[in-house]
Amino acid sequence: GAEIYQDPGLSSTKSITLAPLEAVGNALASVDAGVSTDGKIVISFVGGDDLMVHEVLSGIQQLVDGLDIKDPKKNVEFRSLSDSTFPIDKCGVVVTAGNSDAFYIGGQYYAVSDDDISTN
């Protein structure tokens, strides 16, 4: 989403992009199946140096509401990453359910299942 800001005393306006909310809106629009809320749900955000925690928290709330997650305190984790190589005013979001997670490394998202991890 975007909001228009006008500094009192100035005649110009500035558009402020709330990239996490825009990313969440796009993600919710593309979901074609329900998300199981029985297990762990991980919400991962990545953005540029302008990524702000309050935007991420608003995005998380929008996702929790949009996915109809009944008990977010019980089974929702979130992560956010500010990466200087990520474009300014842009944000990516990945939601994983069950025993998997997603990581952003070198411009790519990678999904990892608990079954893929060996501690030997």
Protein backbone atom coordinates (compact mmCIF):
# COMPACT_ATOMS: atom_id res chain seq x y z
CA GLY A 1 0.00 0.00 0.00
CA ALA A 2 0.98 3.59 -0.28
CA GLU A 3 0.08 6.64 1.70
CA ILE A 4 0.38 10.29 0.80
CA TYR A 5 2.22 12.49 3.26
CA GLN A 6 2.29 16.27 3.20
CA ASP A 7 4.66 18.07 5.52
CA PRO A 8 2.84 20.96 7.20
CA GLY A 9 4.26 24.20 5.90
CA LEU A 10 5.37 22.70 2.59
CA SER A 11 3.34 22.71 -0.60
CA SER A 12 4.64 19.40 -1.91
CA THR A 13 3.40 15.92 -1.11
CA LYS A 14 5.39 12.73 -0.83
CA SER A 15 4.16 9.23 -1.53
CA ILE A 16 5.26 6.70 1.07
CA THR A 17 5.16 3.07 -0.01
CA LEU A 18 4.35 0.50 2.64
CA ALA A 19 5.99 -2.41 0.85
CA PRO A 20 5.18 -5.18 3.38
CA LEU A 21 1.45 -4.41 3.13
CA GLU A 22 1.62 -4.42 -0.66
CA ALA A 23 3.51 -7.75 -0.62
CA VAL A 24 0.96 -9.28 1.77
CA GLY A 25 -1.94 -8.07 -0.38
CA ASN A 26 -0.39 -9.66 -3.46
CA ALA A 27 0.32 -12.90 -1.56
CA LEU A 28 -3.24 -13.15 -0.24
CA ALA A 29 -4.64 -12.49 -3.72
CA SER A 30 -2.62 -15.41 -5.11
CA VAL A 31 -3.56 -17.99 -2.45
CA ASP A 32 -5.84 -20.59 -4.01
CA ALA A 33 -5.94 -23.11 -1.17
CA GLY A 34 -6.47 -22.93 2.56
CA VAL A 35 -3.53 -22.92 4.95
CA SER A 36 -3.50 -25.59 7.62
CA THR A 37 -3.24 -23.88 10.97
CA ASP A 38 -2.66 -27.06 12.96
CA GLY A 39 1.14 -26.80 13.02
CA LYS A 40 3.74 -24.09 12.94
CA ILE A 41 3.32 -21.22 10.47
CA VAL A 42 6.39 -19.14 9.62
CA ILE A 43 6.04 -15.73 7.98
CA SER A 44 9.29 -14.42 6.49
CA PHE A 45 9.75 -10.88 5.16
CA VAL A 46 12.74 -9.54 3.26
CA GLY A 47 13.21 -5.97 2.12
CA GLY A 48 15.78 -3.31 1.46
CA ASP A 49 17.44 -0.99 3.93
CA ASP A 50 14.13 0.88 4.28
CA LEU A 51 12.26 -2.12 5.78
CA MET A 52 10.67 -0.98 9.05
CA VAL A 53 9.52 -3.25 11.88
CA HIS A 54 6.13 -1.52 12.26
CA GLU A 55 5.40 -2.23 8.58
CA VAL A 56 6.34 -5.89 9.07
CA LEU A 57 4.10 -6.16 12.16
CA SER A 58 1.19 -4.62 10.23
CA GLY A 59 1.83 -7.06 7.39
CA ILE A 60 1.81 -9.99 9.82
CA GLN A 61 -1.53 -8.88 11.25
CA GLN A 62 -2.96 -8.55 7.73
CA LEU A 63 -1.77 -12.10 6.90
CA VAL A 64 -3.13 -13.57 10.14
CA ASP A 65 -6.52 -11.98 9.43
CA GLY A 66 -6.48 -12.86 5.71
CA LEU A 67 -5.54 -16.50 6.29
CA ASP A 68 -8.03 -16.77 9.18
CA ILE A 69 -5.43 -18.08 11.63
CA LYS A 70 -7.33 -18.77 14.85
CA ASP A 71 -4.55 -18.76 17.45
CA PRO A 72 -1.54 -16.80 16.13
CA LYS A 73 0.19 -16.63 19.53
CA LYS A 74 0.31 -20.40 19.65
CA ASN A 75 1.73 -21.29 16.24
CA VAL A 76 2.91 -18.26 14.24
CA GLU A 77 6.57 -17.25 14.02
CA PHE A 78 7.89 -14.38 11.97
CA ARG A 79 11.22 -13.30 10.63
CA SER A 80 12.34 -10.20 8.82
CA LEU A 81 15.55 -9.46 6.99
CA SER A 82 16.89 -6.19 5.69
CA ASP A 83 19.21 -6.83 2.76
CA SER A 84 21.05 -3.90 1.17
CA THR A 85 20.91 -5.63 -2.24
CA PHE A 86 17.09 -5.79 -2.14
CA PRO A 87 15.40 -2.91 -4.04
CA ILE A 88 14.19 0.06 -2.00
CA ASP A 89 10.37 0.30 -1.67
CA LYS A 90 10.03 -3.45 -2.34
CA CYS A 91 9.37 -6.37 -0.02
CA GLY A 92 9.00 -10.11 -0.36
CA VAL A 93 6.96 -12.37 1.88
CA VAL A 94 6.90 -16.15 2.17
CA VAL A 95 4.51 -18.13 4.35
CA THR A 96 5.31 -21.75 5.14
CA ALA A 97 3.15 -24.15 7.11
CA GLY A 98 4.04 -27.41 8.79
CA ASN A 99 7.61 -28.47 9.43
CA SER A 100 9.29 -26.25 6.86
CA ASP A 101 10.89 -22.84 6.71
CA ALA A 102 12.08 -20.40 4.06
CA PHE A 103 15.35 -18.49 3.90
CA TYR A 104 16.47 -15.64 1.67
CA ILE A 105 20.11 -15.97 0.58
CA GLY A 106 21.83 -14.24 -2.32
CA GLY A 107 18.66 -13.02 -3.99
CA GLN A 108 16.82 -16.37 -3.80
CA TYR A 109 14.31 -17.96 -1.43
CA TYR A 110 15.06 -21.50 -0.29
CA ALA A 111 12.60 -23.81 1.47
CA VAL A 112 13.91 -26.21 4.06
CA SER A 113 11.96 -29.01 5.71
CA ASP A 114 12.86 -30.28 9.17
CA ASP A 115 13.42 -33.65 7.48
CA ASP A 116 16.20 -32.07 5.38
CA ILE A 117 18.27 -31.13 8.43
CA SER A 118 20.78 -33.59 9.81
CA THR A 119 22.33 -33.00 13.23
CA ASN A 120 24.72 -35.97 13.07
